[in-house]
Amino acid sequence: MNKTELIDHIAQSADLSKASAARALEAAIDGITESLRAGESVSLVGFGSFVVGTRAARSGRNPRTGATINISAAKVPKFRAGKGLKDAIN
């Protein structure tokens, strides 16, 4: 399912117009993004949690030249599935 199909599903399930469903989805994504940017986690009970993790600095190899390069530390978004989502899939 891609974003357009998700908007169609939201519109049909919630009896909204596609434009309203698109705005609602964008607002949800923006809210999650802003919270993660601020270093907060977002928990959706029964679905899962979005958290910010850290990746340590490390050395890597340029596949084209074989030269060693330094890869800087970074913050990365992570998703942990909740029990409700796991049960729905299995």
PDB file of N, CA and C in Angstrom:
ATOM      1  N   MET A   1       0.854  -1.167   0.000  1.00  0.00           N
ATOM      2  CA  MET A   1       0.000   0.000   0.000  1.00  0.00           C
ATOM      3  C   MET A   1       0.899   1.229   0.000  1.00  0.00           C
ATOM      4  N   ASN A   2       0.614   2.158  -0.896  1.00  0.00           N
ATOM      5  CA  ASN A   2       1.364   3.401  -0.918  1.00  0.00           C
ATOM      6  C   ASN A   2       0.528   4.524  -0.297  1.00  0.00           C
ATOM      7  N   LYS A   3       1.051   5.739  -0.305  1.00  0.00           N
ATOM      8  CA  LYS A   3       0.389   6.852   0.367  1.00  0.00           C
ATOM      9  C   LYS A   3      -0.985   7.153  -0.244  1.00  0.00           C
ATOM     10  N   THR A   4      -1.093   7.114  -1.549  1.00  0.00           N
ATOM     11  CA  THR A   4      -2.370   7.388  -2.218  1.00  0.00           C
ATOM     12  C   THR A   4      -3.418   6.349  -1.839  1.00  0.00           C
ATOM     13  N   GLU A   5      -3.016   5.095  -1.814  1.00  0.00           N
ATOM     14  CA  GLU A   5      -3.941   4.033  -1.435  1.00  0.00           C
ATOM     15  C   GLU A   5      -4.349   4.157   0.027  1.00  0.00           C
ATOM     16  N   LEU A   6      -3.420   4.582   0.873  1.00  0.00           N
ATOM     17  CA  LEU A   6      -3.740   4.799   2.280  1.00  0.00           C
ATOM     18  C   LEU A   6      -4.742   5.943   2.444  1.00  0.00           C
ATOM     19  N   ILE A   7      -4.569   7.007   1.692  1.00  0.00           N
ATOM     20  CA  ILE A   7      -5.518   8.131   1.730  1.00  0.00           C
ATOM     21  C   ILE A   7      -6.893   7.666   1.283  1.00  0.00           C
ATOM     22  N   ASP A   8      -6.956   6.875   0.222  1.00  0.00           N
ATOM     23  CA  ASP A   8      -8.239   6.336  -0.244  1.00  0.00           C
ATOM     24  C   ASP A   8      -8.891   5.471   0.842  1.00  0.00           C
ATOM     25  N   HIS A   9      -8.109   4.648   1.512  1.00  0.00           N
ATOM     26  CA  HIS A   9      -8.632   3.783   2.571  1.00  0.00           C
ATOM     27  C   HIS A   9      -9.161   4.610   3.738  1.00  0.00           C
ATOM     28  N   ILE A  10      -8.410   5.634   4.148  1.00  0.00           N
ATOM     29  CA  ILE A  10      -8.851   6.510   5.240  1.00  0.00           C
ATOM     30  C   ILE A  10     -10.143   7.215   4.864  1.00  0.00           C
ATOM     31  N   ALA A  11     -10.207   7.726   3.637  1.00  0.00           N
ATOM     32  CA  ALA A  11     -11.400   8.444   3.181  1.00  0.00           C
ATOM     33  C   ALA A  11     -12.623   7.538   3.203  1.00  0.00           C
ATOM     34  N   GLN A  12     -12.459   6.320   2.745  1.00  0.00           N
ATOM     35  CA  GLN A  12     -13.584   5.389   2.694  1.00  0.00           C
ATOM     36  C   GLN A  12     -13.982   4.925   4.094  1.00  0.00           C
ATOM     37  N   SER A  13     -13.004   4.597   4.929  1.00  0.00           N
ATOM     38  CA  SER A  13     -13.293   4.077   6.265  1.00  0.00           C
ATOM     39  C   SER A  13     -13.900   5.118   7.195  1.00  0.00           C
ATOM     40  N   ALA A  14     -13.438   6.357   7.086  1.00  0.00           N
ATOM     41  CA  ALA A  14     -13.898   7.416   7.991  1.00  0.00           C
ATOM     42  C   ALA A  14     -14.977   8.292   7.367  1.00  0.00           C
ATOM     43  N   ASP A  15     -15.432   7.937   6.171  1.00  0.00           N
ATOM     44  CA  ASP A  15     -16.465   8.699   5.466  1.00  0.00           C
ATOM     45  C   ASP A  15     -16.052  10.170   5.325  1.00  0.00           C
ATOM     46  N   LEU A  16     -14.836  10.362   4.801  1.00  0.00           N
ATOM     47  CA  LEU A  16     -14.296  11.701   4.558  1.00  0.00           C
ATOM     48  C   LEU A  16     -14.026  11.864   3.077  1.00  0.00           C
ATOM     49  N   SER A  17     -13.845  13.119   2.669  1.00  0.00           N
ATOM     50  CA  SER A  17     -13.403  13.348   1.301  1.00  0.00           C
ATOM     51  C   SER A  17     -11.924  12.996   1.214  1.00  0.00           C
ATOM     52  N   LYS A  18     -11.444  12.750   0.009  1.00  0.00           N
ATOM     53  CA  LYS A  18     -10.033  12.408  -0.154  1.00  0.00           C
ATOM     54  C   LYS A  18      -9.145  13.566   0.282  1.00  0.00           C
ATOM     55  N   ALA A  19      -9.583  14.783   0.045  1.00  0.00           N
ATOM     56  CA  ALA A  19      -8.799  15.954   0.452  1.00  0.00           C
ATOM     57  C   ALA A  19      -8.687  16.028   1.976  1.00  0.00           C
ATOM     58  N   SER A  20      -9.783  15.772   2.663  1.00  0.00           N
ATOM     59  CA  SER A  20      -9.757  15.792   4.129  1.00  0.00           C
ATOM     60  C   SER A  20      -8.893  14.653   4.674  1.00  0.00           C
ATOM     61  N   ALA A  21      -8.986  13.498   4.061  1.00  0.00           N
ATOM     62  CA  ALA A  21      -8.178  12.357   4.489  1.00  0.00           C
ATOM     63  C   ALA A  21      -6.695  12.643   4.260  1.00  0.00           C
ATOM     64  N   ALA A  22      -6.360  13.281   3.147  1.00  0.00           N
ATOM     65  CA  ALA A  22      -4.973  13.625   2.859  1.00  0.00           C
ATOM     66  C   ALA A  22      -4.442  14.622   3.882  1.00  0.00           C
ATOM     67  N   ARG A  23      -5.262  15.630   4.233  1.00  0.00           N
ATOM     68  CA  ARG A  23      -4.844  16.606   5.245  1.00  0.00           C
ATOM     69  C   ARG A  23      -4.664  15.940   6.601  1.00  0.00           C
ATOM     70  N   ALA A  24      -5.537  15.012   6.956  1.00  0.00           N
ATOM     71  CA  ALA A  24      -5.433  14.305   8.233  1.00  0.00           C
ATOM     72  C   ALA A  24      -4.166  13.456   8.280  1.00  0.00           C
ATOM     73  N   LEU A  25      -3.869  12.756   7.202  1.00  0.00           N
ATOM     74  CA  LEU A  25      -2.665  11.933   7.155  1.00  0.00           C
ATOM     75  C   LEU A  25      -1.419  12.806   7.232  1.00  0.00           C
ATOM     76  N   GLU A  26      -1.389  13.904   6.497  1.00  0.00           N
ATOM     77  CA  GLU A  26      -0.249  14.826   6.535  1.00  0.00           C
ATOM     78  C   GLU A  26      -0.064  15.398   7.934  1.00  0.00           C
ATOM     79  N   ALA A  27      -1.166  15.747   8.596  1.00  0.00           N
ATOM     80  CA  ALA A  27      -1.081  16.284   9.956  1.00  0.00           C
ATOM     81  C   ALA A  27      -0.508  15.243  10.913  1.00  0.00           C
ATOM     82  N   ALA A  28      -0.919  13.993  10.766  1.00  0.00           N
ATOM     83  CA  ALA A  28      -0.401  12.924  11.624  1.00  0.00           C
ATOM     84  C   ALA A  28       1.098  12.713  11.383  1.00  0.00           C
ATOM     85  N   ILE A  29       1.493  12.679  10.131  1.00  0.00           N
ATOM     86  CA  ILE A  29       2.907  12.496   9.797  1.00  0.00           C
ATOM     87  C   ILE A  29       3.732  13.674  10.307  1.00  0.00           C
ATOM     88  N   ASP A  30       3.219  14.895  10.139  1.00  0.00           N
ATOM     89  CA  ASP A  30       3.924  16.084  10.624  1.00  0.00           C
ATOM     90  C   ASP A  30       4.060  16.060  12.142  1.00  0.00           C
ATOM     91  N   GLY A  31       3.014  15.642  12.844  1.00  0.00           N
ATOM     92  CA  GLY A  31       3.063  15.558  14.300  1.00  0.00           C
ATOM     93  C   GLY A  31       4.104  14.561  14.779  1.00  0.00           C
ATOM     94  N   ILE A  32       4.150  13.411  14.136  1.00  0.00           N
ATOM     95  CA  ILE A  32       5.142  12.390  14.496  1.00  0.00           C
ATOM     96  C   ILE A  32       6.549  12.907  14.210  1.00  0.00           C
ATOM     97  N   THR A  33       6.727  13.540  13.054  1.00  0.00           N
ATOM     98  CA  THR A  33       8.035  14.067  12.674  1.00  0.00           C
ATOM     99  C   THR A  33       8.519  15.128  13.646  1.00  0.00           C
ATOM    100  N   GLU A  34       7.646  16.061  14.013  1.00  0.00           N
ATOM    101  CA  GLU A  34       8.024  17.131  14.943  1.00  0.00           C
ATOM    102  C   GLU A  34       8.387  16.566  16.316  1.00  0.00           C
ATOM    103  N   SER A  35       7.636  15.588  16.783  1.00  0.00           N
ATOM    104  CA  SER A  35       7.941  14.979  18.080  1.00  0.00           C
ATOM    105  C   SER A  35       9.291  14.282  18.050  1.00  0.00           C
ATOM    106  N   LEU A  36       9.566  13.539  16.988  1.00  0.00           N
ATOM    107  CA  LEU A  36      10.851  12.852  16.874  1.00  0.00           C
ATOM    108  C   LEU A  36      11.992  13.851  16.756  1.00  0.00           C
ATOM    109  N   ARG A  37      11.766  14.943  16.026  1.00  0.00           N
ATOM    110  CA  ARG A  37      12.788  15.970  15.884  1.00  0.00           C
ATOM    111  C   ARG A  37      13.133  16.582  17.241  1.00  0.00           C
ATOM    112  N   ALA A  38      12.131  16.695  18.125  1.00  0.00           N
ATOM    113  CA  ALA A  38      12.336  17.247  19.461  1.00  0.00           C
ATOM    114  C   ALA A  38      12.926  16.207  20.419  1.00  0.00           C
ATOM    115  N   GLY A  39      13.137  14.982  19.945  1.00  0.00           N
ATOM    116  CA  GLY A  39      13.728  13.942  20.774  1.00  0.00           C
ATOM    117  C   GLY A  39      12.718  13.166  21.589  1.00  0.00           C
ATOM    118  N   GLU A  40      11.441  13.363  21.340  1.00  0.00           N
ATOM    119  CA  GLU A  40      10.384  12.660  22.070  1.00  0.00           C
ATOM    120  C   GLU A  40       9.993  11.395  21.320  1.00  0.00           C
ATOM    121  N   SER A  41       9.405  10.459  22.023  1.00  0.00           N
ATOM    122  CA  SER A  41       8.878   9.265  21.366  1.00  0.00           C
ATOM    123  C   SER A  41       7.377   9.446  21.172  1.00  0.00           C
ATOM    124  N   VAL A  42       6.821   8.712  20.222  1.00  0.00           N
ATOM    125  CA  VAL A  42       5.389   8.743  19.942  1.00  0.00           C
ATOM    126  C   VAL A  42       4.858   7.331  20.113  1.00  0.00           C
ATOM    127  N   SER A  43       3.922   7.139  21.043  1.00  0.00           N
ATOM    128  CA  SER A  43       3.356   5.815  21.308  1.00  0.00           C
ATOM    129  C   SER A  43       1.897   5.777  20.889  1.00  0.00           C
ATOM    130  N   LEU A  44       1.558   4.838  20.054  1.00  0.00           N
ATOM    131  CA  LEU A  44       0.185   4.608  19.639  1.00  0.00           C
ATOM    132  C   LEU A  44      -0.202   3.241  20.208  1.00  0.00           C
ATOM    133  N   VAL A  45      -0.953   3.245  21.304  1.00  0.00           N
ATOM    134  CA  VAL A  45      -1.277   2.027  22.032  1.00  0.00           C
ATOM    135  C   VAL A  45      -1.950   1.024  21.097  1.00  0.00           C
ATOM    136  N   GLY A  46      -1.447  -0.185  21.088  1.00  0.00           N
ATOM    137  CA  GLY A  46      -1.980  -1.238  20.244  1.00  0.00           C
ATOM    138  C   GLY A  46      -1.365  -1.272  18.862  1.00  0.00           C
ATOM    139  N   PHE A  47      -0.662  -0.212  18.468  1.00  0.00           N
ATOM    140  CA  PHE A  47      -0.046  -0.164  17.142  1.00  0.00           C
ATOM    141  C   PHE A  47       1.462  -0.238  17.239  1.00  0.00           C
ATOM    142  N   GLY A  48       2.074   0.697  17.978  1.00  0.00           N
ATOM    143  CA  GLY A  48       3.517   0.686  18.118  1.00  0.00           C
ATOM    144  C   GLY A  48       4.050   2.020  18.583  1.00  0.00           C
ATOM    145  N   SER A  49       5.364   2.117  18.603  1.00  0.00           N
ATOM    146  CA  SER A  49       6.029   3.325  19.072  1.00  0.00           C
ATOM    147  C   SER A  49       7.088   3.760  18.071  1.00  0.00           C
ATOM    148  N   PHE A  50       7.163   5.062  17.860  1.00  0.00           N
ATOM    149  CA  PHE A  50       8.220   5.661  17.072  1.00  0.00           C
ATOM    150  C   PHE A  50       9.203   6.272  18.058  1.00  0.00           C
ATOM    151  N   VAL A  51      10.478   5.948  17.940  1.00  0.00           N
ATOM    152  CA  VAL A  51      11.501   6.463  18.840  1.00  0.00           C
ATOM    153  C   VAL A  51      12.701   6.926  18.024  1.00  0.00           C
ATOM    154  N   VAL A  52      13.536   7.758  18.662  1.00  0.00           N
ATOM    155  CA  VAL A  52      14.764   8.218  18.029  1.00  0.00           C
ATOM    156  C   VAL A  52      15.915   7.412  18.606  1.00  0.00           C
ATOM    157  N   GLY A  53      16.677   6.788  17.749  1.00  0.00           N
ATOM    158  CA  GLY A  53      17.856   6.041  18.158  1.00  0.00           C
ATOM    159  C   GLY A  53      19.104   6.777  17.703  1.00  0.00           C
ATOM    160  N   THR A  54      20.237   6.341  18.174  1.00  0.00           N
ATOM    161  CA  THR A  54      21.495   6.943  17.753  1.00  0.00           C
ATOM    162  C   THR A  54      22.369   5.883  17.105  1.00  0.00           C
ATOM    163  N   ARG A  55      23.073   6.319  16.101  1.00  0.00           N
ATOM    164  CA  ARG A  55      24.030   5.444  15.417  1.00  0.00           C
ATOM    165  C   ARG A  55      25.406   6.035  15.653  1.00  0.00           C
ATOM    166  N   ALA A  56      26.298   5.263  16.195  1.00  0.00           N
ATOM    167  CA  ALA A  56      27.637   5.743  16.528  1.00  0.00           C
ATOM    168  C   ALA A  56      28.456   6.029  15.268  1.00  0.00           C
ATOM    169  N   ALA A  57      29.452   6.891  15.425  1.00  0.00           N
ATOM    170  CA  ALA A  57      30.374   7.158  14.327  1.00  0.00           C
ATOM    171  C   ALA A  57      31.182   5.889  14.062  1.00  0.00           C
ATOM    172  N   ARG A  58      31.512   5.682  12.800  1.00  0.00           N
ATOM    173  CA  ARG A  58      32.258   4.476  12.451  1.00  0.00           C
ATOM    174  C   ARG A  58      33.041   4.718  11.163  1.00  0.00           C
ATOM    175  N   SER A  59      33.917   3.813  10.852  1.00  0.00           N
ATOM    176  CA  SER A  59      34.645   3.925   9.593  1.00  0.00           C
ATOM    177  C   SER A  59      34.016   2.958   8.602  1.00  0.00           C
ATOM    178  N   GLY A  60      34.015   3.362   7.361  1.00  0.00           N
ATOM    179  CA  GLY A  60      33.437   2.547   6.300  1.00  0.00           C
ATOM    180  C   GLY A  60      34.373   2.515   5.113  1.00  0.00           C
ATOM    181  N   ARG A  61      33.912   1.904   4.052  1.00  0.00           N
ATOM    182  CA  ARG A  61      34.743   1.777   2.864  1.00  0.00           C
ATOM    183  C   ARG A  61      33.948   2.255   1.654  1.00  0.00           C
ATOM    184  N   ASN A  62      34.587   3.093   0.870  1.00  0.00           N
ATOM    185  CA  ASN A  62      33.991   3.563  -0.376  1.00  0.00           C
ATOM    186  C   ASN A  62      34.009   2.389  -1.355  1.00  0.00           C
ATOM    187  N   PRO A  63      32.841   1.910  -1.800  1.00  0.00           N
ATOM    188  CA  PRO A  63      32.827   0.719  -2.662  1.00  0.00           C
ATOM    189  C   PRO A  63      33.456   0.966  -4.038  1.00  0.00           C
ATOM    190  N   ARG A  64      33.480   2.210  -4.474  1.00  0.00           N
ATOM    191  CA  ARG A  64      34.027   2.503  -5.798  1.00  0.00           C
ATOM    192  C   ARG A  64      35.557   2.513  -5.775  1.00  0.00           C
ATOM    193  N   THR A  65      36.131   3.161  -4.746  1.00  0.00           N
ATOM    194  CA  THR A  65      37.588   3.299  -4.709  1.00  0.00           C
ATOM    195  C   THR A  65      38.259   2.375  -3.710  1.00  0.00           C
ATOM    196  N   GLY A  66      37.504   1.868  -2.749  1.00  0.00           N
ATOM    197  CA  GLY A  66      38.087   1.023  -1.722  1.00  0.00           C
ATOM    198  C   GLY A  66      38.723   1.813  -0.595  1.00  0.00           C
ATOM    199  N   ALA A  67      38.660   3.141  -0.670  1.00  0.00           N
ATOM    200  CA  ALA A  67      39.267   3.985   0.352  1.00  0.00           C
ATOM    201  C   ALA A  67      38.436   3.957   1.626  1.00  0.00           C
ATOM    202  N   THR A  68      39.107   4.073   2.771  1.00  0.00           N
ATOM    203  CA  THR A  68      38.423   4.123   4.057  1.00  0.00           C
ATOM    204  C   THR A  68      37.897   5.533   4.284  1.00  0.00           C
ATOM    205  N   ILE A  69      36.635   5.629   4.724  1.00  0.00           N
ATOM    206  CA  ILE A  69      36.027   6.929   4.993  1.00  0.00           C
ATOM    207  C   ILE A  69      35.443   6.910   6.400  1.00  0.00           C
ATOM    208  N   ASN A  70      35.295   8.097   6.980  1.00  0.00           N
ATOM    209  CA  ASN A  70      34.678   8.225   8.300  1.00  0.00           C
ATOM    210  C   ASN A  70      33.208   8.551   8.130  1.00  0.00           C
ATOM    211  N   ILE A  71      32.360   7.798   8.791  1.00  0.00           N
ATOM    212  CA  ILE A  71      30.919   8.026   8.758  1.00  0.00           C
ATOM    213  C   ILE A  71      30.547   8.622  10.104  1.00  0.00           C
ATOM    214  N   SER A  72      29.957   9.810  10.083  1.00  0.00           N
ATOM    215  CA  SER A  72      29.655  10.510  11.332  1.00  0.00           C
ATOM    216  C   SER A  72      28.454   9.890  12.050  1.00  0.00           C
ATOM    217  N   ALA A  73      28.349  10.204  13.338  1.00  0.00           N
ATOM    218  CA  ALA A  73      27.231   9.726  14.143  1.00  0.00           C
ATOM    219  C   ALA A  73      25.938  10.364  13.631  1.00  0.00           C
ATOM    220  N   ALA A  74      24.815   9.671  13.833  1.00  0.00           N
ATOM    221  CA  ALA A  74      23.541  10.184  13.345  1.00  0.00           C
ATOM    222  C   ALA A  74      22.404   9.729  14.251  1.00  0.00           C
ATOM    223  N   LYS A  75      21.332  10.522  14.239  1.00  0.00           N
ATOM    224  CA  LYS A  75      20.089  10.120  14.885  1.00  0.00           C
ATOM    225  C   LYS A  75      19.241   9.440  13.823  1.00  0.00           C
ATOM    226  N   VAL A  76      18.619   8.318  14.188  1.00  0.00           N
ATOM    227  CA  VAL A  76      17.813   7.574  13.229  1.00  0.00           C
ATOM    228  C   VAL A  76      16.445   7.266  13.824  1.00  0.00           C
ATOM    229  N   PRO A  77      15.379   7.364  13.014  1.00  0.00           N
ATOM    230  CA  PRO A  77      14.055   6.991  13.517  1.00  0.00           C
ATOM    231  C   PRO A  77      13.914   5.478  13.536  1.00  0.00           C
ATOM    232  N   LYS A  78      13.225   4.984  14.571  1.00  0.00           N
ATOM    233  CA  LYS A  78      12.977   3.546  14.689  1.00  0.00           C
ATOM    234  C   LYS A  78      11.505   3.337  15.026  1.00  0.00           C
ATOM    235  N   PHE A  79      10.985   2.203  14.589  1.00  0.00           N
ATOM    236  CA  PHE A  79       9.609   1.838  14.897  1.00  0.00           C
ATOM    237  C   PHE A  79       9.618   0.496  15.604  1.00  0.00           C
ATOM    238  N   ARG A  80       8.892   0.436  16.706  1.00  0.00           N
ATOM    239  CA  ARG A  80       8.731  -0.821  17.439  1.00  0.00           C
ATOM    240  C   ARG A  80       7.253  -1.191  17.407  1.00  0.00           C
ATOM    241  N   ALA A  81       6.948  -2.302  16.806  1.00  0.00           N
ATOM    242  CA  ALA A  81       5.558  -2.743  16.683  1.00  0.00           C
ATOM    243  C   ALA A  81       5.000  -3.119  18.047  1.00  0.00           C
ATOM    244  N   GLY A  82       3.746  -2.752  18.280  1.00  0.00           N
ATOM    245  CA  GLY A  82       3.068  -3.089  19.519  1.00  0.00           C
ATOM    246  C   GLY A  82       2.407  -4.451  19.461  1.00  0.00           C
ATOM    247  N   LYS A  83       1.937  -4.905  20.590  1.00  0.00           N
ATOM    248  CA  LYS A  83       1.329  -6.236  20.697  1.00  0.00           C
ATOM    249  C   LYS A  83       0.109  -6.376  19.792  1.00  0.00           C
ATOM    250  N   GLY A  84      -0.731  -5.340  19.732  1.00  0.00           N
ATOM    251  CA  GLY A  84      -1.925  -5.403  18.893  1.00  0.00           C
ATOM    252  C   GLY A  84      -1.596  -5.594  17.430  1.00  0.00           C
ATOM    253  N   LEU A  85      -0.577  -4.904  16.944  1.00  0.00           N
ATOM    254  CA  LEU A  85      -0.160  -5.036  15.547  1.00  0.00           C
ATOM    255  C   LEU A  85       0.436  -6.413  15.294  1.00  0.00           C
ATOM    256  N   LYS A  86       1.266  -6.874  16.223  1.00  0.00           N
ATOM    257  CA  LYS A  86       1.867  -8.207  16.069  1.00  0.00           C
ATOM    258  C   LYS A  86       0.795  -9.293  16.046  1.00  0.00           C
ATOM    259  N   ASP A  87      -0.202  -9.176  16.942  1.00  0.00           N
ATOM    260  CA  ASP A  87      -1.277 -10.164  16.994  1.00  0.00           C
ATOM    261  C   ASP A  87      -2.127 -10.124  15.722  1.00  0.00           C
ATOM    262  N   ALA A  88      -2.344  -8.943  15.164  1.00  0.00           N
ATOM    263  CA  ALA A  88      -3.166  -8.818  13.956  1.00  0.00           C
ATOM    264  C   ALA A  88      -2.489  -9.463  12.746  1.00  0.00           C
ATOM    265  N   ILE A  89      -1.168  -9.441  12.739  1.00  0.00           N
ATOM    266  CA  ILE A  89      -0.431 -10.008  11.616  1.00  0.00           C
ATOM    267  C   ILE A  89      -0.333 -11.530  11.731  1.00  0.00           C
ATOM    268  N   ASN A  90      -0.157 -11.998  12.950  1.00  0.00           N
ATOM    269  CA  ASN A  90       0.003 -13.443  13.154  1.00  0.00           C
ATOM    270  C   ASN A  90      -1.311 -14.038  13.389  1.00  0.00           C
TER     271      ASN A  90
END
